[in-house]
């Protein structure tokens, strides 16, 4: 899959990067196996989403027995029939969905965020201050996602800083993967609760 805008490359690096040159950056689940599915238009990144592509990507994850899906795009406030069916199938398959909460700065999280098997992640800065992140009663985690270095297809160095819940979400997805590896006996819901407790 070709990344036409750099968003996916940056997100993938935050999960699985093994190093970031002299900066010493390592992804939150360094070396984990990644399965990539493209859901956005060629230029708009996380905002130019295709409903049909999301449904296909979710079905692809089920077919390949994926454990965790990172969705570095804002959680939908309404779902098409195809999306509803695909997300429900994902959750019924026992897959953990990790969503970026969005960057509106408002309390806009939909009821979907409270479904079992869904983690919604907000963005904070180094001072633990919410940085333009959407929030609400269903927000389960906030994670550092401001000016985060990761892989880049644009810069000659191969690395760049980006900000947003799209950056916070993959960090948390990687942490969930590490928990899954450490505690394979836990159910999905038990795993999420252990993460909350810690």
C-alpha atoms as a PDB file:
ATOM      1  CA  UNK A   1       0.000   0.000   0.000  1.00  0.00           C
ATOM      2  CA  UNK A   2       1.401   3.386  -0.983  1.00  0.00           C
ATOM      3  CA  UNK A   3       1.141   6.197   1.564  1.00  0.00           C
ATOM      4  CA  UNK A   4       0.256   9.305  -0.425  1.00  0.00           C
ATOM      5  CA  UNK A   5       0.346  11.851   2.408  1.00  0.00           C
ATOM      6  CA  UNK A   6       2.635  10.498   5.168  1.00  0.00           C
ATOM      7  CA  UNK A   7      -0.059  10.041   7.816  1.00  0.00           C
ATOM      8  CA  UNK A   8      -0.005   6.237   7.723  1.00  0.00           C
ATOM      9  CA  UNK A   9       3.795   6.066   7.710  1.00  0.00           C
ATOM     10  CA  UNK A  10       3.984   8.244  10.821  1.00  0.00           C
ATOM     11  CA  UNK A  11       1.306   6.195  12.589  1.00  0.00           C
ATOM     12  CA  UNK A  12       2.961   2.871  11.720  1.00  0.00           C
ATOM     13  CA  UNK A  13       6.282   4.095  13.091  1.00  0.00           C
ATOM     14  CA  UNK A  14       4.716   5.036  16.413  1.00  0.00           C
ATOM     15  CA  UNK A  15       3.655   1.426  16.847  1.00  0.00           C
ATOM     16  CA  UNK A  16       6.454  -0.642  15.370  1.00  0.00           C
ATOM     17  CA  UNK A  17       9.545   1.489  14.680  1.00  0.00           C
ATOM     18  CA  UNK A  18      12.760  -0.144  15.816  1.00  0.00           C
ATOM     19  CA  UNK A  19      14.733   3.092  15.956  1.00  0.00           C
ATOM     20  CA  UNK A  20      14.650   6.711  14.855  1.00  0.00           C
ATOM     21  CA  UNK A  21      18.292   7.371  14.109  1.00  0.00           C
ATOM     22  CA  UNK A  22      20.142   9.546  16.587  1.00  0.00           C
ATOM     23  CA  UNK A  23      16.909  10.362  18.415  1.00  0.00           C
ATOM     24  CA  UNK A  24      16.745   6.831  19.779  1.00  0.00           C
ATOM     25  CA  UNK A  25      12.973   6.577  19.276  1.00  0.00           C
ATOM     26  CA  UNK A  26      11.404   3.131  19.460  1.00  0.00           C
ATOM     27  CA  UNK A  27       7.743   2.374  18.754  1.00  0.00           C
ATOM     28  CA  UNK A  28       5.475   1.398  21.629  1.00  0.00           C
ATOM     29  CA  UNK A  29       5.375  -2.192  20.317  1.00  0.00           C
ATOM     30  CA  UNK A  30       8.671  -2.288  18.456  1.00  0.00           C
ATOM     31  CA  UNK A  31       8.903  -5.130  15.978  1.00  0.00           C
ATOM     32  CA  UNK A  32       5.233  -6.138  16.157  1.00  0.00           C
ATOM     33  CA  UNK A  33       3.695  -7.500  12.952  1.00  0.00           C
ATOM     34  CA  UNK A  34       1.703  -4.810  11.148  1.00  0.00           C
ATOM     35  CA  UNK A  35      -1.086  -5.332   8.657  1.00  0.00           C
ATOM     36  CA  UNK A  36      -1.788  -2.152   6.700  1.00  0.00           C
ATOM     37  CA  UNK A  37      -5.139  -1.196   5.210  1.00  0.00           C
ATOM     38  CA  UNK A  38      -5.673   2.097   3.392  1.00  0.00           C
ATOM     39  CA  UNK A  39      -8.942   3.939   4.073  1.00  0.00           C
ATOM     40  CA  UNK A  40      -8.315   7.556   3.032  1.00  0.00           C
ATOM     41  CA  UNK A  41      -8.067   9.540  -0.177  1.00  0.00           C
ATOM     42  CA  UNK A  42      -4.757  10.273  -1.838  1.00  0.00           C
ATOM     43  CA  UNK A  43      -4.197  13.708  -0.298  1.00  0.00           C
ATOM     44  CA  UNK A  44      -6.443  14.296   2.712  1.00  0.00           C
ATOM     45  CA  UNK A  45      -5.074  11.733   5.168  1.00  0.00           C
ATOM     46  CA  UNK A  46      -7.301  10.929   8.124  1.00  0.00           C
ATOM     47  CA  UNK A  47      -9.991  13.384   6.982  1.00  0.00           C
ATOM     48  CA  UNK A  48     -10.569  12.003   3.491  1.00  0.00           C
ATOM     49  CA  UNK A  49     -12.095   8.689   4.506  1.00  0.00           C
ATOM     50  CA  UNK A  50     -13.958   6.265   2.293  1.00  0.00           C
ATOM     51  CA  UNK A  51     -16.784   4.393   4.024  1.00  0.00           C
ATOM     52  CA  UNK A  52     -16.441   1.428   1.692  1.00  0.00           C
ATOM     53  CA  UNK A  53     -12.681   1.292   2.286  1.00  0.00           C
ATOM     54  CA  UNK A  54     -13.176   1.254   6.064  1.00  0.00           C
ATOM     55  CA  UNK A  55     -15.627  -1.634   5.787  1.00  0.00           C
ATOM     56  CA  UNK A  56     -13.194  -3.555   3.556  1.00  0.00           C
ATOM     57  CA  UNK A  57     -10.314  -2.877   5.939  1.00  0.00           C
ATOM     58  CA  UNK A  58     -12.284  -4.145   8.927  1.00  0.00           C
ATOM     59  CA  UNK A  59     -13.288  -7.292   7.062  1.00  0.00           C
ATOM     60  CA  UNK A  60      -9.643  -7.765   6.041  1.00  0.00           C
ATOM     61  CA  UNK A  61      -8.654  -7.620   9.715  1.00  0.00           C
ATOM     62  CA  UNK A  62     -11.168 -10.315  10.613  1.00  0.00           C
ATOM     63  CA  UNK A  63     -10.026 -12.550   7.753  1.00  0.00           C
ATOM     64  CA  UNK A  64      -6.411 -12.235   8.888  1.00  0.00           C
ATOM     65  CA  UNK A  65      -7.217 -12.848  12.586  1.00  0.00           C
ATOM     66  CA  UNK A  66      -5.846  -9.484  13.695  1.00  0.00           C
ATOM     67  CA  UNK A  67      -5.766  -8.921  17.481  1.00  0.00           C
ATOM     68  CA  UNK A  68      -5.838  -5.110  17.583  1.00  0.00           C
ATOM     69  CA  UNK A  69      -6.975  -2.509  15.067  1.00  0.00           C
ATOM     70  CA  UNK A  70      -5.652   1.036  15.389  1.00  0.00           C
ATOM     71  CA  UNK A  71      -8.017   3.580  13.829  1.00  0.00           C
ATOM     72  CA  UNK A  72      -6.082   6.831  13.522  1.00  0.00           C
ATOM     73  CA  UNK A  73      -9.131   8.722  12.343  1.00  0.00           C
ATOM     74  CA  UNK A  74     -11.865  10.364  14.379  1.00  0.00           C
ATOM     75  CA  UNK A  75     -14.474   8.016  15.740  1.00  0.00           C
ATOM     76  CA  UNK A  76     -17.591   8.276  13.583  1.00  0.00           C
ATOM     77  CA  UNK A  77     -20.560  10.034  15.177  1.00  0.00           C
ATOM     78  CA  UNK A  78     -22.893   8.126  12.873  1.00  0.00           C
ATOM     79  CA  UNK A  79     -22.307   4.853  11.082  1.00  0.00           C
ATOM     80  CA  UNK A  80     -23.432   3.742   7.664  1.00  0.00           C
ATOM     81  CA  UNK A  81     -25.084   0.334   7.500  1.00  0.00           C
ATOM     82  CA  UNK A  82     -21.891  -1.149   6.026  1.00  0.00           C
ATOM     83  CA  UNK A  83     -19.754   0.386   8.777  1.00  0.00           C
ATOM     84  CA  UNK A  84     -22.121  -0.722  11.541  1.00  0.00           C
ATOM     85  CA  UNK A  85     -22.061  -4.273  10.235  1.00  0.00           C
ATOM     86  CA  UNK A  86     -18.277  -4.265   9.829  1.00  0.00           C
ATOM     87  CA  UNK A  87     -17.522  -2.761  13.267  1.00  0.00           C
ATOM     88  CA  UNK A  88     -19.979  -5.167  14.917  1.00  0.00           C
ATOM     89  CA  UNK A  89     -18.343  -8.113  13.152  1.00  0.00           C
ATOM     90  CA  UNK A  90     -14.923  -6.923  14.352  1.00  0.00           C
ATOM     91  CA  UNK A  91     -16.085  -6.682  17.951  1.00  0.00           C
ATOM     92  CA  UNK A  92     -17.865 -10.043  17.739  1.00  0.00           C
ATOM     93  CA  UNK A  93     -14.585 -11.550  16.502  1.00  0.00           C
ATOM     94  CA  UNK A  94     -12.912 -10.455  19.752  1.00  0.00           C
ATOM     95  CA  UNK A  95     -10.708  -7.804  18.147  1.00  0.00           C
ATOM     96  CA  UNK A  96      -9.731  -4.743  20.179  1.00  0.00           C
ATOM     97  CA  UNK A  97     -10.558  -1.434  18.423  1.00  0.00           C
ATOM     98  CA  UNK A  98      -8.356   1.520  19.360  1.00  0.00           C
ATOM     99  CA  UNK A  99      -9.725   4.845  18.122  1.00  0.00           C
ATOM    100  CA  UNK A 100      -8.349   8.371  17.956  1.00  0.00           C
ATOM    101  CA  UNK A 101     -10.906  10.526  19.757  1.00  0.00           C
ATOM    102  CA  UNK A 102     -10.586  13.327  17.206  1.00  0.00           C
ATOM    103  CA  UNK A 103      -9.196  16.857  17.298  1.00  0.00           C
ATOM    104  CA  UNK A 104     -12.316  19.008  17.618  1.00  0.00           C
ATOM    105  CA  UNK A 105     -11.588  19.963  21.235  1.00  0.00           C
ATOM    106  CA  UNK A 106     -15.214  19.241  22.119  1.00  0.00           C
ATOM    107  CA  UNK A 107     -17.038  16.625  24.176  1.00  0.00           C
ATOM    108  CA  UNK A 108     -18.202  14.853  21.034  1.00  0.00           C
ATOM    109  CA  UNK A 109     -17.600  11.145  21.640  1.00  0.00           C
ATOM    110  CA  UNK A 110     -20.555   9.050  20.466  1.00  0.00           C
ATOM    111  CA  UNK A 111     -22.216   6.150  22.288  1.00  0.00           C
ATOM    112  CA  UNK A 112     -20.192   3.792  20.087  1.00  0.00           C
ATOM    113  CA  UNK A 113     -17.127   4.672  22.179  1.00  0.00           C
ATOM    114  CA  UNK A 114     -18.668   2.878  25.163  1.00  0.00           C
ATOM    115  CA  UNK A 115     -19.036  -0.481  23.451  1.00  0.00           C
ATOM    116  CA  UNK A 116     -17.117  -3.431  24.849  1.00  0.00           C
ATOM    117  CA  UNK A 117     -13.851  -3.854  22.976  1.00  0.00           C
ATOM    118  CA  UNK A 118     -13.507  -0.175  22.012  1.00  0.00           C
ATOM    119  CA  UNK A 119     -10.756   2.057  23.422  1.00  0.00           C
ATOM    120  CA  UNK A 120     -10.864   5.769  22.643  1.00  0.00           C
ATOM    121  CA  UNK A 121      -7.629   7.748  23.046  1.00  0.00           C
ATOM    122  CA  UNK A 122      -7.184  11.477  23.512  1.00  0.00           C
ATOM    123  CA  UNK A 123      -4.080  13.597  23.001  1.00  0.00           C
ATOM    124  CA  UNK A 124      -2.151  15.389  25.747  1.00  0.00           C
ATOM    125  CA  UNK A 125       1.081  17.365  25.703  1.00  0.00           C
ATOM    126  CA  UNK A 126       4.164  17.094  27.929  1.00  0.00           C
ATOM    127  CA  UNK A 127       2.360  19.044  30.665  1.00  0.00           C
ATOM    128  CA  UNK A 128      -0.534  16.540  30.693  1.00  0.00           C
ATOM    129  CA  UNK A 129      -2.796  19.191  29.191  1.00  0.00           C
ATOM    130  CA  UNK A 130      -5.443  18.177  26.638  1.00  0.00           C
ATOM    131  CA  UNK A 131      -4.202  19.547  23.343  1.00  0.00           C
ATOM    132  CA  UNK A 132      -7.189  20.112  21.057  1.00  0.00           C
ATOM    133  CA  UNK A 133      -8.381  16.583  21.692  1.00  0.00           C
ATOM    134  CA  UNK A 134     -12.029  15.542  21.707  1.00  0.00           C
ATOM    135  CA  UNK A 135     -13.162  14.176  25.039  1.00  0.00           C
ATOM    136  CA  UNK A 136     -16.197  12.894  26.909  1.00  0.00           C
ATOM    137  CA  UNK A 137     -17.344  10.329  29.421  1.00  0.00           C
ATOM    138  CA  UNK A 138     -16.350   7.438  27.136  1.00  0.00           C
ATOM    139  CA  UNK A 139     -12.724   8.524  26.708  1.00  0.00           C
ATOM    140  CA  UNK A 140     -10.715   5.679  28.225  1.00  0.00           C
ATOM    141  CA  UNK A 141      -7.140   6.978  27.866  1.00  0.00           C
ATOM    142  CA  UNK A 142      -5.128  10.068  27.072  1.00  0.00           C
ATOM    143  CA  UNK A 143      -1.671   9.649  25.660  1.00  0.00           C
ATOM    144  CA  UNK A 144       1.175  11.911  24.608  1.00  0.00           C
ATOM    145  CA  UNK A 145       0.535  12.871  21.003  1.00  0.00           C
ATOM    146  CA  UNK A 146       1.968  16.375  20.610  1.00  0.00           C
ATOM    147  CA  UNK A 147       5.012  16.987  18.408  1.00  0.00           C
ATOM    148  CA  UNK A 148       5.816  13.273  18.401  1.00  0.00           C
ATOM    149  CA  UNK A 149       8.711  12.070  16.283  1.00  0.00           C
ATOM    150  CA  UNK A 150       8.163   9.097  14.009  1.00  0.00           C
ATOM    151  CA  UNK A 151       8.849   7.837  10.506  1.00  0.00           C
ATOM    152  CA  UNK A 152       8.370  10.177   7.567  1.00  0.00           C
ATOM    153  CA  UNK A 153       8.141   9.695   3.832  1.00  0.00           C
ATOM    154  CA  UNK A 154       8.591  13.451   3.260  1.00  0.00           C
ATOM    155  CA  UNK A 155      11.789  14.419   5.067  1.00  0.00           C
ATOM    156  CA  UNK A 156      15.260  13.416   3.962  1.00  0.00           C
ATOM    157  CA  UNK A 157      16.083  12.376   7.519  1.00  0.00           C
ATOM    158  CA  UNK A 158      13.257   9.840   7.366  1.00  0.00           C
ATOM    159  CA  UNK A 159      11.644  11.295  10.493  1.00  0.00           C
ATOM    160  CA  UNK A 160       9.347  14.164  11.449  1.00  0.00           C
ATOM    161  CA  UNK A 161       7.136  15.413  14.270  1.00  0.00           C
ATOM    162  CA  UNK A 162       3.344  15.365  14.037  1.00  0.00           C
ATOM    163  CA  UNK A 163       0.575  16.079  16.533  1.00  0.00           C
ATOM    164  CA  UNK A 164      -2.955  14.903  17.207  1.00  0.00           C
ATOM    165  CA  UNK A 165      -5.045  12.032  18.412  1.00  0.00           C
ATOM    166  CA  UNK A 166      -3.849  10.145  15.326  1.00  0.00           C
ATOM    167  CA  UNK A 167      -0.483  10.049  17.074  1.00  0.00           C
ATOM    168  CA  UNK A 168      -1.817   9.234  20.558  1.00  0.00           C
ATOM    169  CA  UNK A 169      -3.944   6.327  19.348  1.00  0.00           C
ATOM    170  CA  UNK A 170      -1.171   4.151  17.838  1.00  0.00           C
ATOM    171  CA  UNK A 171       1.000   4.614  20.929  1.00  0.00           C
ATOM    172  CA  UNK A 172      -1.850   3.218  23.029  1.00  0.00           C
ATOM    173  CA  UNK A 173      -2.518   0.447  20.497  1.00  0.00           C
ATOM    174  CA  UNK A 174       1.117  -0.589  20.843  1.00  0.00           C
ATOM    175  CA  UNK A 175       0.829  -0.574  24.629  1.00  0.00           C
ATOM    176  CA  UNK A 176      -2.269  -2.775  24.324  1.00  0.00           C
ATOM    177  CA  UNK A 177      -0.251  -5.177  22.160  1.00  0.00           C
ATOM    178  CA  UNK A 178       2.407  -5.397  24.855  1.00  0.00           C
ATOM    179  CA  UNK A 179      -0.234  -6.090  27.494  1.00  0.00           C
ATOM    180  CA  UNK A 180      -1.693  -8.776  25.249  1.00  0.00           C
ATOM    181  CA  UNK A 181       1.714 -10.407  24.972  1.00  0.00           C
ATOM    182  CA  UNK A 182       2.328 -10.215  28.736  1.00  0.00           C
ATOM    183  CA  UNK A 183      -1.143 -11.426  29.736  1.00  0.00           C
ATOM    184  CA  UNK A 184      -2.344 -13.828  27.024  1.00  0.00           C
ATOM    185  CA  UNK A 185      -4.794 -15.470  29.417  1.00  0.00           C
ATOM    186  CA  UNK A 186      -6.912 -12.314  29.760  1.00  0.00           C
ATOM    187  CA  UNK A 187     -10.058 -11.706  27.778  1.00  0.00           C
ATOM    188  CA  UNK A 188     -10.264  -8.498  25.763  1.00  0.00           C
ATOM    189  CA  UNK A 189     -12.380  -6.802  28.435  1.00  0.00           C
ATOM    190  CA  UNK A 190     -10.071  -7.987  31.228  1.00  0.00           C
ATOM    191  CA  UNK A 191      -7.089  -6.671  29.285  1.00  0.00           C
ATOM    192  CA  UNK A 192      -8.658  -3.225  28.915  1.00  0.00           C
ATOM    193  CA  UNK A 193      -9.531  -3.147  32.618  1.00  0.00           C
ATOM    194  CA  UNK A 194      -5.954  -4.103  33.550  1.00  0.00           C
ATOM    195  CA  UNK A 195      -4.683  -1.239  31.422  1.00  0.00           C
ATOM    196  CA  UNK A 196      -7.099   1.140  33.150  1.00  0.00           C
ATOM    197  CA  UNK A 197      -6.093  -0.143  36.595  1.00  0.00           C
ATOM    198  CA  UNK A 198      -2.418   0.405  35.852  1.00  0.00           C
END
